[in-house]
Amino acid sequence: MRRIVSSVFAIFETRLELIGIELQEEKERLIGVLFLGLAAMLLAMMALISLTVLIAIFFWDTYRWQALGGITLLYAVIAIICGLSARGKLRSAPHLFDDTLDQFRKDRDIFD
């Protein structure tokens, strides 16, 4: 009986270590993705500001309000598309700890 309890605790300890490893990997991945995403957003905003200024200067004498309104509408549509895409990706993301849960199920099946 003592050996069985010891084996169960050893299995449980191994599974907890697996959870820790998965959490560490997910944290590192998220930090990398967030950093790259923020850098991309900053550079994209700088490019969009420059583009907006160039278009406004180009149409200043003739259609300045229409040009600025069109650019604003374009930015809004793109922002909505990006937001909906991000929401969809968050909803379809894999569940955290899938590997650990699979290992727990295998362990449970062995003891049944």
N, C-alpha and C. Protein backbone atom coordinates (compact mmCIF):
# COMPACT_ATOMS: atom_id res chain seq x y z
N MET A 1 0.83 -1.20 0.00
CA MET A 1 0.00 0.00 0.00
C MET A 1 0.87 1.26 0.00
N ARG A 2 1.92 1.21 0.79
CA ARG A 2 2.82 2.35 0.89
C ARG A 2 3.49 2.65 -0.45
N ARG A 3 3.86 1.61 -1.18
CA ARG A 3 4.47 1.78 -2.50
C ARG A 3 3.48 2.39 -3.49
N ILE A 4 2.25 1.99 -3.39
CA ILE A 4 1.22 2.52 -4.30
C ILE A 4 1.02 4.01 -4.03
N VAL A 5 0.91 4.37 -2.76
CA VAL A 5 0.73 5.78 -2.41
C VAL A 5 1.95 6.59 -2.85
N SER A 6 3.12 6.02 -2.66
CA SER A 6 4.35 6.70 -3.10
C SER A 6 4.36 6.88 -4.61
N SER A 7 3.92 5.87 -5.35
CA SER A 7 3.85 5.97 -6.80
C SER A 7 2.85 7.02 -7.25
N VAL A 8 1.73 7.08 -6.59
CA VAL A 8 0.70 8.06 -6.93
C VAL A 8 1.24 9.47 -6.70
N PHE A 9 1.92 9.69 -5.57
CA PHE A 9 2.49 11.01 -5.31
C PHE A 9 3.59 11.36 -6.31
N ALA A 10 4.38 10.38 -6.72
CA ALA A 10 5.43 10.63 -7.71
C ALA A 10 4.81 11.01 -9.05
N ILE A 11 3.74 10.34 -9.43
CA ILE A 11 3.03 10.66 -10.68
C ILE A 11 2.44 12.07 -10.58
N PHE A 12 1.84 12.36 -9.44
CA PHE A 12 1.24 13.69 -9.24
C PHE A 12 2.31 14.78 -9.30
N GLU A 13 3.46 14.52 -8.71
CA GLU A 13 4.56 15.49 -8.75
C GLU A 13 5.04 15.73 -10.18
N THR A 14 5.14 14.67 -10.95
CA THR A 14 5.55 14.79 -12.34
C THR A 14 4.54 15.62 -13.13
N ARG A 15 3.28 15.41 -12.87
CA ARG A 15 2.24 16.15 -13.58
C ARG A 15 2.27 17.63 -13.19
N LEU A 16 2.54 17.92 -11.93
CA LEU A 16 2.65 19.32 -11.51
C LEU A 16 3.84 19.99 -12.18
N GLU A 17 4.94 19.26 -12.32
CA GLU A 17 6.10 19.81 -13.03
C GLU A 17 5.74 20.10 -14.49
N LEU A 18 4.95 19.23 -15.10
CA LEU A 18 4.50 19.44 -16.48
C LEU A 18 3.64 20.70 -16.58
N ILE A 19 2.79 20.92 -15.59
CA ILE A 19 1.96 22.14 -15.58
C ILE A 19 2.86 23.37 -15.50
N GLY A 20 3.88 23.31 -14.64
CA GLY A 20 4.80 24.43 -14.52
C GLY A 20 5.54 24.72 -15.81
N ILE A 21 5.98 23.68 -16.49
CA ILE A 21 6.68 23.85 -17.76
C ILE A 21 5.76 24.46 -18.80
N GLU A 22 4.52 23.98 -18.87
CA GLU A 22 3.57 24.53 -19.83
C GLU A 22 3.27 26.00 -19.54
N LEU A 23 3.15 26.36 -18.26
CA LEU A 23 2.91 27.76 -17.91
C LEU A 23 4.09 28.64 -18.32
N GLN A 24 5.30 28.16 -18.08
CA GLN A 24 6.49 28.93 -18.44
C GLN A 24 6.57 29.13 -19.95
N GLU A 25 6.32 28.07 -20.72
CA GLU A 25 6.35 28.17 -22.18
C GLU A 25 5.30 29.15 -22.69
N GLU A 26 4.11 29.09 -22.11
CA GLU A 26 3.03 29.97 -22.55
C GLU A 26 3.36 31.42 -22.20
N LYS A 27 3.94 31.65 -21.03
CA LYS A 27 4.31 33.00 -20.63
C LYS A 27 5.36 33.58 -21.58
N GLU A 28 6.38 32.80 -21.91
CA GLU A 28 7.42 33.27 -22.82
C GLU A 28 6.86 33.56 -24.20
N ARG A 29 5.97 32.70 -24.66
CA ARG A 29 5.36 32.91 -25.98
C ARG A 29 4.53 34.18 -25.99
N LEU A 30 3.74 34.39 -24.95
CA LEU A 30 2.89 35.58 -24.89
C LEU A 30 3.71 36.86 -24.80
N ILE A 31 4.78 36.85 -24.04
CA ILE A 31 5.63 38.04 -23.94
C ILE A 31 6.23 38.37 -25.30
N GLY A 32 6.72 37.36 -26.01
CA GLY A 32 7.29 37.59 -27.34
C GLY A 32 6.26 38.12 -28.31
N VAL A 33 5.08 37.54 -28.30
CA VAL A 33 4.02 37.98 -29.21
C VAL A 33 3.58 39.40 -28.87
N LEU A 34 3.44 39.70 -27.58
CA LEU A 34 3.04 41.05 -27.19
C LEU A 34 4.07 42.10 -27.60
N PHE A 35 5.34 41.79 -27.41
CA PHE A 35 6.39 42.73 -27.79
C PHE A 35 6.37 42.99 -29.29
N LEU A 36 6.30 41.93 -30.09
CA LEU A 36 6.26 42.10 -31.54
C LEU A 36 4.99 42.82 -31.98
N GLY A 37 3.88 42.51 -31.35
CA GLY A 37 2.63 43.17 -31.69
C GLY A 37 2.66 44.65 -31.38
N LEU A 38 3.21 45.01 -30.23
CA LEU A 38 3.30 46.42 -29.87
C LEU A 38 4.24 47.18 -30.82
N ALA A 39 5.36 46.56 -31.17
CA ALA A 39 6.29 47.20 -32.10
C ALA A 39 5.61 47.39 -33.46
N ALA A 40 4.89 46.37 -33.92
CA ALA A 40 4.20 46.48 -35.20
C ALA A 40 3.13 47.57 -35.16
N MET A 41 2.41 47.65 -34.07
CA MET A 41 1.37 48.69 -33.96
C MET A 41 1.98 50.08 -33.94
N LEU A 42 3.08 50.25 -33.23
CA LEU A 42 3.73 51.55 -33.18
C LEU A 42 4.21 51.98 -34.57
N LEU A 43 4.86 51.08 -35.27
CA LEU A 43 5.35 51.40 -36.61
C LEU A 43 4.21 51.62 -37.60
N ALA A 44 3.16 50.83 -37.47
CA ALA A 44 2.01 51.01 -38.36
C ALA A 44 1.33 52.35 -38.10
N MET A 45 1.23 52.76 -36.86
CA MET A 45 0.63 54.06 -36.55
C MET A 45 1.48 55.20 -37.13
N MET A 46 2.78 55.07 -37.04
CA MET A 46 3.65 56.11 -37.61
C MET A 46 3.47 56.18 -39.12
N ALA A 47 3.36 55.03 -39.76
CA ALA A 47 3.16 55.00 -41.20
C ALA A 47 1.80 55.58 -41.58
N LEU A 48 0.76 55.25 -40.81
CA LEU A 48 -0.57 55.77 -41.10
C LEU A 48 -0.65 57.28 -40.90
N ILE A 49 0.01 57.79 -39.89
CA ILE A 49 0.03 59.23 -39.68
C ILE A 49 0.72 59.92 -40.84
N SER A 50 1.85 59.36 -41.26
CA SER A 50 2.56 59.95 -42.41
C SER A 50 1.72 59.90 -43.66
N LEU A 51 1.05 58.78 -43.91
CA LEU A 51 0.19 58.65 -45.08
C LEU A 51 -0.96 59.64 -45.03
N THR A 52 -1.56 59.79 -43.87
CA THR A 52 -2.67 60.73 -43.72
C THR A 52 -2.22 62.16 -44.02
N VAL A 53 -1.07 62.53 -43.50
CA VAL A 53 -0.55 63.88 -43.75
C VAL A 53 -0.28 64.07 -45.24
N LEU A 54 0.33 63.07 -45.88
CA LEU A 54 0.61 63.18 -47.31
C LEU A 54 -0.67 63.33 -48.13
N ILE A 55 -1.68 62.55 -47.82
CA ILE A 55 -2.93 62.64 -48.56
C ILE A 55 -3.62 63.98 -48.30
N ALA A 56 -3.60 64.43 -47.06
CA ALA A 56 -4.23 65.72 -46.73
C ALA A 56 -3.53 66.85 -47.47
N ILE A 57 -2.22 66.81 -47.52
CA ILE A 57 -1.47 67.85 -48.25
C ILE A 57 -1.80 67.80 -49.74
N PHE A 58 -1.87 66.58 -50.28
CA PHE A 58 -2.13 66.43 -51.72
C PHE A 58 -3.50 67.00 -52.11
N PHE A 59 -4.53 66.75 -51.27
CA PHE A 59 -5.88 67.19 -51.60
C PHE A 59 -6.29 68.48 -50.89
N TRP A 60 -5.37 69.22 -50.30
CA TRP A 60 -5.71 70.37 -49.47
C TRP A 60 -6.50 71.45 -50.22
N ASP A 61 -6.15 71.71 -51.45
CA ASP A 61 -6.82 72.78 -52.18
C ASP A 61 -8.17 72.37 -52.77
N THR A 62 -8.39 71.08 -52.98
CA THR A 62 -9.62 70.67 -53.68
C THR A 62 -10.59 69.89 -52.80
N TYR A 63 -10.20 68.75 -52.33
CA TYR A 63 -11.12 67.84 -51.62
C TYR A 63 -10.59 67.47 -50.23
N ARG A 64 -10.14 68.42 -49.45
CA ARG A 64 -9.50 68.09 -48.18
C ARG A 64 -10.44 67.39 -47.21
N TRP A 65 -11.69 67.86 -47.06
CA TRP A 65 -12.62 67.23 -46.12
C TRP A 65 -13.02 65.84 -46.59
N GLN A 66 -13.22 65.67 -47.87
CA GLN A 66 -13.59 64.37 -48.41
C GLN A 66 -12.42 63.37 -48.25
N ALA A 67 -11.22 63.86 -48.52
CA ALA A 67 -10.04 62.99 -48.39
C ALA A 67 -9.85 62.56 -46.94
N LEU A 68 -9.94 63.49 -46.00
CA LEU A 68 -9.78 63.15 -44.59
C LEU A 68 -10.92 62.26 -44.09
N GLY A 69 -12.13 62.51 -44.57
CA GLY A 69 -13.26 61.65 -44.21
C GLY A 69 -13.09 60.24 -44.75
N GLY A 70 -12.63 60.13 -45.99
CA GLY A 70 -12.39 58.81 -46.58
C GLY A 70 -11.31 58.04 -45.85
N ILE A 71 -10.24 58.73 -45.49
CA ILE A 71 -9.16 58.06 -44.74
C ILE A 71 -9.66 57.59 -43.38
N THR A 72 -10.44 58.44 -42.73
CA THR A 72 -10.99 58.08 -41.41
C THR A 72 -11.90 56.86 -41.53
N LEU A 73 -12.74 56.84 -42.53
CA LEU A 73 -13.62 55.70 -42.75
C LEU A 73 -12.82 54.44 -43.03
N LEU A 74 -11.80 54.55 -43.87
CA LEU A 74 -10.95 53.40 -44.18
C LEU A 74 -10.29 52.85 -42.92
N TYR A 75 -9.74 53.75 -42.08
CA TYR A 75 -9.10 53.31 -40.83
C TYR A 75 -10.11 52.62 -39.91
N ALA A 76 -11.30 53.16 -39.83
CA ALA A 76 -12.33 52.56 -38.97
C ALA A 76 -12.71 51.16 -39.44
N VAL A 77 -12.88 50.99 -40.74
CA VAL A 77 -13.24 49.67 -41.28
C VAL A 77 -12.12 48.67 -41.02
N ILE A 78 -10.88 49.07 -41.24
CA ILE A 78 -9.75 48.18 -40.99
C ILE A 78 -9.65 47.84 -39.51
N ALA A 79 -9.90 48.81 -38.63
CA ALA A 79 -9.85 48.55 -37.18
C ALA A 79 -10.93 47.54 -36.78
N ILE A 80 -12.11 47.66 -37.34
CA ILE A 80 -13.20 46.71 -37.04
C ILE A 80 -12.83 45.31 -37.52
N ILE A 81 -12.29 45.21 -38.72
CA ILE A 81 -11.88 43.90 -39.25
C ILE A 81 -10.81 43.28 -38.37
N CYS A 82 -9.83 44.07 -37.96
CA CYS A 82 -8.76 43.55 -37.09
C CYS A 82 -9.32 43.12 -35.74
N GLY A 83 -10.22 43.89 -35.18
CA GLY A 83 -10.82 43.54 -33.90
C GLY A 83 -11.61 42.24 -33.97
N LEU A 84 -12.40 42.09 -35.02
CA LEU A 84 -13.16 40.85 -35.19
C LEU A 84 -12.25 39.66 -35.42
N SER A 85 -11.18 39.87 -36.16
CA SER A 85 -10.21 38.79 -36.39
C SER A 85 -9.53 38.38 -35.09
N ALA A 86 -9.14 39.35 -34.28
CA ALA A 86 -8.49 39.05 -32.99
C ALA A 86 -9.44 38.30 -32.07
N ARG A 87 -10.70 38.72 -32.04
CA ARG A 87 -11.68 38.03 -31.21
C ARG A 87 -11.87 36.58 -31.66
N GLY A 88 -11.90 36.37 -32.97
CA GLY A 88 -12.03 35.01 -33.49
C GLY A 88 -10.84 34.14 -33.13
N LYS A 89 -9.64 34.71 -33.20
CA LYS A 89 -8.45 33.94 -32.86
C LYS A 89 -8.41 33.61 -31.37
N LEU A 90 -8.87 34.53 -30.54
CA LEU A 90 -8.90 34.24 -29.10
C LEU A 90 -9.90 33.14 -28.78
N ARG A 91 -11.00 33.14 -29.48
CA ARG A 91 -12.02 32.11 -29.24
C ARG A 91 -11.59 30.74 -29.73
N SER A 92 -10.77 30.69 -30.77
CA SER A 92 -10.35 29.40 -31.32
C SER A 92 -8.99 28.94 -30.81
N ALA A 93 -8.46 29.62 -29.80
CA ALA A 93 -7.15 29.25 -29.24
C ALA A 93 -7.26 27.90 -28.53
N PRO A 94 -6.19 27.11 -28.57
CA PRO A 94 -6.23 25.82 -27.87
C PRO A 94 -6.31 26.02 -26.37
N HIS A 95 -6.88 25.05 -25.70
CA HIS A 95 -7.01 25.12 -24.25
C HIS A 95 -5.66 24.94 -23.58
N LEU A 96 -5.48 25.66 -22.51
CA LEU A 96 -4.26 25.57 -21.73
C LEU A 96 -4.26 24.24 -20.96
N PHE A 97 -3.14 23.63 -20.83
CA PHE A 97 -2.92 22.38 -20.09
C PHE A 97 -3.53 21.16 -20.78
N ASP A 98 -3.69 21.18 -22.08
CA ASP A 98 -4.21 20.00 -22.78
C ASP A 98 -3.32 18.79 -22.57
N ASP A 99 -2.01 18.96 -22.67
CA ASP A 99 -1.08 17.84 -22.50
C ASP A 99 -1.15 17.28 -21.08
N THR A 100 -1.23 18.17 -20.12
CA THR A 100 -1.29 17.72 -18.72
C THR A 100 -2.59 16.96 -18.46
N LEU A 101 -3.70 17.48 -18.96
CA LEU A 101 -4.98 16.80 -18.77
C LEU A 101 -5.00 15.44 -19.46
N ASP A 102 -4.40 15.35 -20.64
CA ASP A 102 -4.31 14.05 -21.32
C ASP A 102 -3.50 13.06 -20.49
N GLN A 103 -2.42 13.55 -19.88
CA GLN A 103 -1.59 12.68 -19.05
C GLN A 103 -2.35 12.23 -17.80
N PHE A 104 -3.13 13.13 -17.20
CA PHE A 104 -3.96 12.75 -16.05
C PHE A 104 -4.99 11.69 -16.45
N ARG A 105 -5.58 11.83 -17.62
CA ARG A 105 -6.56 10.84 -18.08
C ARG A 105 -5.91 9.48 -18.29
N LYS A 106 -4.71 9.48 -18.87
CA LYS A 106 -3.99 8.21 -19.04
C LYS A 106 -3.67 7.57 -17.70
N ASP A 107 -3.27 8.40 -16.74
CA ASP A 107 -2.97 7.87 -15.40
C ASP A 107 -4.23 7.29 -14.77
N ARG A 108 -5.36 7.99 -14.92
CA ARG A 108 -6.62 7.51 -14.34
C ARG A 108 -7.01 6.18 -14.98
N ASP A 109 -6.82 6.07 -16.29
CA ASP A 109 -7.18 4.83 -16.98
C ASP A 109 -6.31 3.67 -16.53
N ILE A 110 -5.05 3.95 -16.20
CA ILE A 110 -4.15 2.89 -15.72
C ILE A 110 -4.63 2.36 -14.37
N PHE A 111 -5.10 3.25 -13.51
CA PHE A 111 -5.52 2.83 -12.17
C PHE A 111 -6.93 2.26 -12.14
N ASP A 112 -7.70 2.42 -13.20
CA ASP A 112 -9.08 1.87 -13.23
C ASP A 112 -9.08 0.40 -13.54
